[in-house]
N, C-alpha and C. Protein backbone atom coordinates (compact mmCIF):
# COMPACT_ATOMS: atom_id res chain seq x y z
N MET A 1 154.34 74.92 -29.42
CA MET A 1 155.57 75.54 -28.97
C MET A 1 156.65 75.46 -30.04
N ARG A 2 156.70 74.35 -30.75
CA ARG A 2 157.70 74.18 -31.82
C ARG A 2 157.52 75.23 -32.90
N GLN A 3 156.26 75.43 -33.35
CA GLN A 3 156.00 76.41 -34.40
C GLN A 3 156.35 77.82 -33.91
N PHE A 4 156.05 78.11 -32.67
CA PHE A 4 156.39 79.42 -32.09
C PHE A 4 157.89 79.66 -32.16
N LEU A 5 158.66 78.67 -31.79
CA LEU A 5 160.13 78.81 -31.83
C LEU A 5 160.65 78.94 -33.25
N LEU A 6 160.07 78.19 -34.17
CA LEU A 6 160.49 78.29 -35.57
C LEU A 6 160.17 79.67 -36.17
N VAL A 7 158.98 80.18 -35.85
CA VAL A 7 158.61 81.51 -36.33
C VAL A 7 159.54 82.56 -35.71
N SER A 8 159.85 82.40 -34.43
CA SER A 8 160.78 83.32 -33.76
C SER A 8 162.16 83.29 -34.42
N LEU A 9 162.63 82.11 -34.74
CA LEU A 9 163.91 81.98 -35.44
C LEU A 9 163.83 82.64 -36.82
N GLY A 10 162.73 82.45 -37.50
CA GLY A 10 162.52 83.11 -38.78
C GLY A 10 162.55 84.63 -38.64
N GLY A 11 161.96 85.14 -37.56
CA GLY A 11 161.99 86.57 -37.28
C GLY A 11 163.41 87.08 -37.08
N PHE A 12 164.22 86.28 -36.41
CA PHE A 12 165.63 86.63 -36.23
C PHE A 12 166.33 86.72 -37.58
N VAL A 13 166.08 85.75 -38.43
CA VAL A 13 166.70 85.74 -39.77
C VAL A 13 166.24 86.95 -40.57
N GLY A 14 164.94 87.23 -40.56
CA GLY A 14 164.41 88.37 -41.31
C GLY A 14 164.96 89.69 -40.82
N THR A 15 165.07 89.83 -39.50
CA THR A 15 165.60 91.06 -38.92
C THR A 15 167.07 91.24 -39.30
N ALA A 16 167.81 90.16 -39.26
CA ALA A 16 169.23 90.23 -39.64
C ALA A 16 169.37 90.60 -41.12
N LEU A 17 168.52 90.03 -41.95
CA LEU A 17 168.55 90.37 -43.39
C LEU A 17 168.19 91.84 -43.61
N ARG A 18 167.19 92.32 -42.88
CA ARG A 18 166.79 93.73 -43.00
C ARG A 18 167.95 94.64 -42.61
N TYR A 19 168.59 94.32 -41.50
CA TYR A 19 169.71 95.12 -41.02
C TYR A 19 170.84 95.12 -42.06
N GLY A 20 171.14 93.96 -42.59
CA GLY A 20 172.22 93.85 -43.57
C GLY A 20 171.91 94.58 -44.86
N LEU A 21 170.71 94.35 -45.42
CA LEU A 21 170.33 95.01 -46.67
C LEU A 21 170.19 96.51 -46.46
N GLY A 22 169.58 96.90 -45.35
CA GLY A 22 169.43 98.32 -45.06
C GLY A 22 170.77 99.02 -44.96
N GLY A 23 171.73 98.37 -44.31
CA GLY A 23 173.07 98.93 -44.20
C GLY A 23 173.75 99.03 -45.55
N LEU A 24 173.57 98.01 -46.35
CA LEU A 24 174.18 98.02 -47.69
C LEU A 24 173.61 99.16 -48.53
N VAL A 25 172.31 99.31 -48.54
CA VAL A 25 171.67 100.37 -49.32
C VAL A 25 172.06 101.74 -48.76
N SER A 26 172.10 101.87 -47.44
CA SER A 26 172.46 103.15 -46.83
C SER A 26 173.87 103.58 -47.20
N ARG A 27 174.78 102.63 -47.29
CA ARG A 27 176.17 102.96 -47.66
C ARG A 27 176.28 103.38 -49.11
N THR A 28 175.39 102.92 -49.96
CA THR A 28 175.49 103.24 -51.39
C THR A 28 174.69 104.47 -51.79
N LYS A 29 173.82 104.96 -50.93
CA LYS A 29 172.96 106.07 -51.33
C LYS A 29 173.62 107.44 -51.14
N ALA A 30 174.76 107.50 -50.52
CA ALA A 30 175.56 108.73 -50.40
C ALA A 30 174.79 109.90 -49.78
N GLY A 31 174.11 109.64 -48.67
CA GLY A 31 173.51 110.72 -47.90
C GLY A 31 172.22 111.30 -48.46
N ALA A 32 171.53 110.60 -49.31
CA ALA A 32 170.27 111.10 -49.86
C ALA A 32 169.25 111.28 -48.73
N ALA A 33 168.37 112.27 -48.89
CA ALA A 33 167.37 112.57 -47.87
C ALA A 33 166.24 111.54 -47.85
N PHE A 34 166.00 110.89 -48.97
CA PHE A 34 164.92 109.90 -49.08
C PHE A 34 165.32 108.62 -48.37
N PRO A 35 164.44 108.02 -47.56
CA PRO A 35 164.77 106.78 -46.86
C PRO A 35 164.79 105.56 -47.80
N LEU A 36 165.78 105.54 -48.65
CA LEU A 36 165.89 104.52 -49.70
C LEU A 36 166.04 103.11 -49.12
N ALA A 37 166.74 102.97 -48.01
CA ALA A 37 166.93 101.63 -47.43
C ALA A 37 165.59 101.03 -47.01
N THR A 38 164.76 101.81 -46.35
CA THR A 38 163.44 101.32 -45.94
C THR A 38 162.59 100.99 -47.16
N PHE A 39 162.64 101.86 -48.16
CA PHE A 39 161.88 101.61 -49.38
C PHE A 39 162.34 100.32 -50.05
N ALA A 40 163.65 100.11 -50.14
CA ALA A 40 164.19 98.90 -50.79
C ALA A 40 163.76 97.65 -50.04
N VAL A 41 163.82 97.68 -48.72
CA VAL A 41 163.41 96.53 -47.91
C VAL A 41 161.92 96.26 -48.11
N ASN A 42 161.10 97.31 -48.06
CA ASN A 42 159.66 97.13 -48.23
C ASN A 42 159.32 96.61 -49.62
N LEU A 43 159.97 97.14 -50.63
CA LEU A 43 159.73 96.69 -52.00
C LEU A 43 160.11 95.22 -52.17
N LEU A 44 161.28 94.85 -51.71
CA LEU A 44 161.72 93.46 -51.82
C LEU A 44 160.81 92.53 -51.01
N GLY A 45 160.45 92.93 -49.81
CA GLY A 45 159.55 92.12 -48.98
C GLY A 45 158.20 91.91 -49.64
N CYS A 46 157.66 92.96 -50.24
CA CYS A 46 156.37 92.85 -50.94
C CYS A 46 156.47 91.92 -52.15
N LEU A 47 157.54 92.07 -52.91
CA LEU A 47 157.76 91.20 -54.07
C LEU A 47 157.85 89.74 -53.63
N LEU A 48 158.61 89.49 -52.58
CA LEU A 48 158.79 88.12 -52.10
C LEU A 48 157.49 87.52 -51.56
N ILE A 49 156.75 88.27 -50.74
CA ILE A 49 155.52 87.70 -50.19
C ILE A 49 154.49 87.45 -51.28
N GLY A 50 154.45 88.33 -52.29
CA GLY A 50 153.53 88.10 -53.41
C GLY A 50 153.88 86.86 -54.19
N ALA A 51 155.15 86.72 -54.52
CA ALA A 51 155.61 85.56 -55.28
C ALA A 51 155.44 84.26 -54.50
N LEU A 52 155.85 84.28 -53.23
CA LEU A 52 155.75 83.06 -52.41
C LEU A 52 154.30 82.68 -52.13
N ALA A 53 153.45 83.67 -51.91
CA ALA A 53 152.03 83.37 -51.68
C ALA A 53 151.41 82.76 -52.93
N ALA A 54 151.74 83.31 -54.09
CA ALA A 54 151.21 82.75 -55.34
C ALA A 54 151.69 81.32 -55.53
N LEU A 55 152.97 81.06 -55.25
CA LEU A 55 153.48 79.68 -55.36
C LEU A 55 152.78 78.76 -54.37
N ALA A 56 152.58 79.24 -53.16
CA ALA A 56 151.92 78.42 -52.14
C ALA A 56 150.48 78.11 -52.53
N GLU A 57 149.80 79.11 -53.07
CA GLU A 57 148.39 78.93 -53.40
C GLU A 57 148.17 78.15 -54.70
N THR A 58 149.06 78.34 -55.68
CA THR A 58 148.86 77.67 -56.96
C THR A 58 149.57 76.33 -57.07
N ARG A 59 150.67 76.18 -56.35
CA ARG A 59 151.46 74.96 -56.45
C ARG A 59 151.47 74.14 -55.17
N GLY A 60 150.95 74.73 -54.08
CA GLY A 60 150.90 74.01 -52.80
C GLY A 60 152.27 73.65 -52.25
N ILE A 61 153.26 74.51 -52.47
CA ILE A 61 154.63 74.15 -52.09
C ILE A 61 154.95 74.36 -50.62
N LEU A 62 154.14 75.12 -49.89
CA LEU A 62 154.47 75.41 -48.49
C LEU A 62 153.43 74.83 -47.55
N SER A 63 153.89 74.13 -46.52
CA SER A 63 152.98 73.62 -45.50
C SER A 63 152.57 74.77 -44.59
N GLY A 64 151.64 74.52 -43.69
CA GLY A 64 151.20 75.54 -42.75
C GLY A 64 152.34 76.08 -41.91
N THR A 65 153.19 75.19 -41.41
CA THR A 65 154.30 75.62 -40.57
C THR A 65 155.33 76.38 -41.37
N SER A 66 155.70 75.88 -42.54
CA SER A 66 156.71 76.58 -43.33
C SER A 66 156.18 77.93 -43.80
N ARG A 67 154.90 78.00 -44.09
CA ARG A 67 154.28 79.28 -44.45
C ARG A 67 154.36 80.26 -43.31
N ALA A 68 154.06 79.81 -42.10
CA ALA A 68 154.14 80.69 -40.92
C ALA A 68 155.57 81.15 -40.68
N VAL A 69 156.52 80.24 -40.81
CA VAL A 69 157.93 80.59 -40.59
C VAL A 69 158.37 81.64 -41.62
N ILE A 70 158.02 81.43 -42.88
CA ILE A 70 158.47 82.35 -43.94
C ILE A 70 157.68 83.66 -43.91
N PHE A 71 156.35 83.58 -43.87
CA PHE A 71 155.54 84.79 -43.97
C PHE A 71 155.57 85.62 -42.69
N ILE A 72 155.32 84.98 -41.56
CA ILE A 72 155.26 85.72 -40.29
C ILE A 72 156.66 85.94 -39.73
N GLY A 73 157.48 84.90 -39.75
CA GLY A 73 158.81 85.00 -39.17
C GLY A 73 159.78 85.78 -40.03
N VAL A 74 160.22 85.17 -41.13
CA VAL A 74 161.27 85.79 -41.95
C VAL A 74 160.79 87.11 -42.55
N LEU A 75 159.68 87.09 -43.28
CA LEU A 75 159.23 88.32 -43.93
C LEU A 75 158.67 89.33 -42.93
N GLY A 76 158.08 88.84 -41.83
CA GLY A 76 157.61 89.75 -40.78
C GLY A 76 158.77 90.44 -40.09
N GLY A 77 159.88 89.72 -39.89
CA GLY A 77 161.08 90.33 -39.33
C GLY A 77 161.76 91.24 -40.34
N PHE A 78 161.65 90.89 -41.59
CA PHE A 78 162.27 91.68 -42.66
C PHE A 78 161.51 92.98 -42.85
N THR A 79 160.18 92.88 -42.99
CA THR A 79 159.33 94.07 -43.15
C THR A 79 157.88 93.70 -42.91
N THR A 80 157.21 94.42 -42.00
CA THR A 80 155.78 94.16 -41.82
C THR A 80 154.97 94.77 -42.96
N PHE A 81 155.59 95.62 -43.74
CA PHE A 81 154.88 96.22 -44.87
C PHE A 81 154.47 95.16 -45.88
N SER A 82 155.25 94.10 -45.99
CA SER A 82 154.88 93.02 -46.90
C SER A 82 153.59 92.35 -46.43
N SER A 83 153.43 92.18 -45.13
CA SER A 83 152.19 91.62 -44.59
C SER A 83 151.02 92.56 -44.85
N PHE A 84 151.25 93.84 -44.67
CA PHE A 84 150.22 94.84 -44.96
C PHE A 84 149.78 94.75 -46.43
N GLY A 85 150.75 94.68 -47.33
CA GLY A 85 150.43 94.58 -48.75
C GLY A 85 149.68 93.30 -49.09
N TYR A 86 150.15 92.18 -48.53
CA TYR A 86 149.53 90.88 -48.81
C TYR A 86 148.10 90.83 -48.26
N GLU A 87 147.92 91.28 -47.02
CA GLU A 87 146.59 91.25 -46.41
C GLU A 87 145.61 92.16 -47.15
N THR A 88 146.09 93.31 -47.61
CA THR A 88 145.26 94.21 -48.40
C THR A 88 144.84 93.54 -49.71
N LEU A 89 145.80 92.90 -50.38
CA LEU A 89 145.51 92.20 -51.62
C LEU A 89 144.50 91.07 -51.39
N GLN A 90 144.66 90.32 -50.32
CA GLN A 90 143.74 89.22 -50.02
C GLN A 90 142.33 89.73 -49.80
N LEU A 91 142.19 90.85 -49.08
CA LEU A 91 140.86 91.43 -48.88
C LEU A 91 140.25 91.83 -50.22
N ALA A 92 141.03 92.52 -51.05
CA ALA A 92 140.53 92.96 -52.35
C ALA A 92 140.20 91.78 -53.25
N ARG A 93 141.08 90.79 -53.26
CA ARG A 93 140.87 89.60 -54.08
C ARG A 93 139.62 88.84 -53.64
N GLY A 94 139.34 88.88 -52.34
CA GLY A 94 138.16 88.21 -51.81
C GLY A 94 136.88 89.02 -51.96
N GLY A 95 136.96 90.12 -52.70
CA GLY A 95 135.78 90.93 -52.94
C GLY A 95 135.45 91.90 -51.81
N GLN A 96 136.31 91.97 -50.82
CA GLN A 96 136.09 92.86 -49.68
C GLN A 96 136.79 94.20 -49.92
N HIS A 97 136.33 94.89 -50.93
CA HIS A 97 136.99 96.12 -51.37
C HIS A 97 136.89 97.23 -50.33
N LEU A 98 135.75 97.33 -49.67
CA LEU A 98 135.60 98.35 -48.63
C LEU A 98 136.55 98.07 -47.47
N ALA A 99 136.68 96.81 -47.09
CA ALA A 99 137.60 96.44 -46.01
C ALA A 99 139.04 96.72 -46.42
N ALA A 100 139.39 96.42 -47.66
CA ALA A 100 140.75 96.69 -48.15
C ALA A 100 141.05 98.18 -48.12
N ALA A 101 140.13 98.98 -48.63
CA ALA A 101 140.33 100.43 -48.64
C ALA A 101 140.38 100.97 -47.21
N SER A 102 139.52 100.45 -46.35
CA SER A 102 139.52 100.89 -44.94
C SER A 102 140.83 100.54 -44.27
N PHE A 103 141.35 99.37 -44.56
CA PHE A 103 142.62 98.93 -43.97
C PHE A 103 143.74 99.88 -44.38
N VAL A 104 143.80 100.24 -45.65
CA VAL A 104 144.83 101.16 -46.14
C VAL A 104 144.66 102.53 -45.47
N LEU A 105 143.45 103.04 -45.48
CA LEU A 105 143.20 104.36 -44.89
C LEU A 105 143.50 104.37 -43.39
N MET A 106 143.17 103.29 -42.69
CA MET A 106 143.45 103.23 -41.25
C MET A 106 144.95 103.25 -40.98
N GLN A 107 145.71 102.58 -41.82
CA GLN A 107 147.17 102.60 -41.64
C GLN A 107 147.70 104.02 -41.76
N ILE A 108 147.18 104.74 -42.73
CA ILE A 108 147.65 106.10 -43.00
C ILE A 108 147.06 107.10 -41.99
N MET A 109 145.77 106.99 -41.72
CA MET A 109 145.10 107.99 -40.91
C MET A 109 145.20 107.74 -39.41
N ILE A 110 145.51 106.52 -39.00
CA ILE A 110 145.59 106.22 -37.57
C ILE A 110 147.02 105.86 -37.17
N CYS A 111 147.66 104.97 -37.91
CA CYS A 111 148.99 104.51 -37.50
C CYS A 111 150.07 105.58 -37.69
N LEU A 112 150.06 106.28 -38.80
CA LEU A 112 151.06 107.34 -38.98
C LEU A 112 150.90 108.44 -37.93
N PRO A 113 149.68 108.91 -37.66
CA PRO A 113 149.54 109.88 -36.56
C PRO A 113 149.93 109.31 -35.19
N ALA A 114 149.79 108.00 -35.01
CA ALA A 114 150.22 107.39 -33.75
C ALA A 114 151.72 107.53 -33.55
N VAL A 115 152.48 107.46 -34.65
CA VAL A 115 153.93 107.69 -34.56
C VAL A 115 154.18 109.11 -34.06
N TRP A 116 153.49 110.07 -34.64
CA TRP A 116 153.63 111.47 -34.22
C TRP A 116 153.22 111.63 -32.76
N LEU A 117 152.09 111.02 -32.35
CA LEU A 117 151.61 111.13 -30.98
C LEU A 117 152.62 110.55 -29.99
N GLY A 118 153.19 109.41 -30.32
CA GLY A 118 154.21 108.83 -29.46
C GLY A 118 155.40 109.75 -29.31
N ASP A 119 155.82 110.34 -30.41
CA ASP A 119 156.94 111.28 -30.40
C ASP A 119 156.62 112.49 -29.53
N VAL A 120 155.45 113.08 -29.73
CA VAL A 120 155.03 114.25 -28.97
C VAL A 120 154.95 113.93 -27.48
N ALA A 121 154.36 112.78 -27.15
CA ALA A 121 154.22 112.41 -25.74
C ALA A 121 155.56 112.28 -25.04
N VAL A 122 156.50 111.62 -25.67
CA VAL A 122 157.83 111.44 -25.05
C VAL A 122 158.53 112.78 -24.93
N ARG A 123 158.46 113.59 -25.95
CA ARG A 123 159.12 114.91 -25.88
C ARG A 123 158.48 115.79 -24.82
N ALA A 124 157.16 115.69 -24.63
CA ALA A 124 156.49 116.48 -23.61
C ALA A 124 156.87 116.01 -22.21
N LEU A 125 157.05 114.71 -22.04
CA LEU A 125 157.40 114.16 -20.73
C LEU A 125 158.87 114.32 -20.39
N TRP A 126 159.75 114.13 -21.36
CA TRP A 126 161.19 114.13 -21.10
C TRP A 126 161.96 115.24 -21.81
N GLY A 127 161.28 116.10 -22.51
CA GLY A 127 161.95 117.20 -23.18
C GLY A 127 162.64 116.74 -24.44
N ARG A 128 163.18 117.71 -25.12
CA ARG A 128 163.87 117.43 -26.39
C ARG A 128 165.16 116.78 -26.07
């Protein structure tokens, strides 16, 4: 229960950081059509999870609980794309290249269309 609460608190922190950074980037992009705020958050989250995972694996600096709080809580609240990137890298690094490629393709071919399907379903039920 303690770890659950700590990870939840980490998620709160990550979400607040995402909101703050996203707002900051949105204010500076001057109405550009490209979703720069989301890209910036995803890029920073990926950089952080890569660096922290390498430190954890090579230097042993993070315990199981602190790893869960940072990776699942803070970075998961900040951006789940960092988890996607890290898990894909772990599969590839572990020699599971087919699984890594399948994971990427499934995200694109199943999850992105699921966003569209959810949108279509709601619009069909409740109108535009």
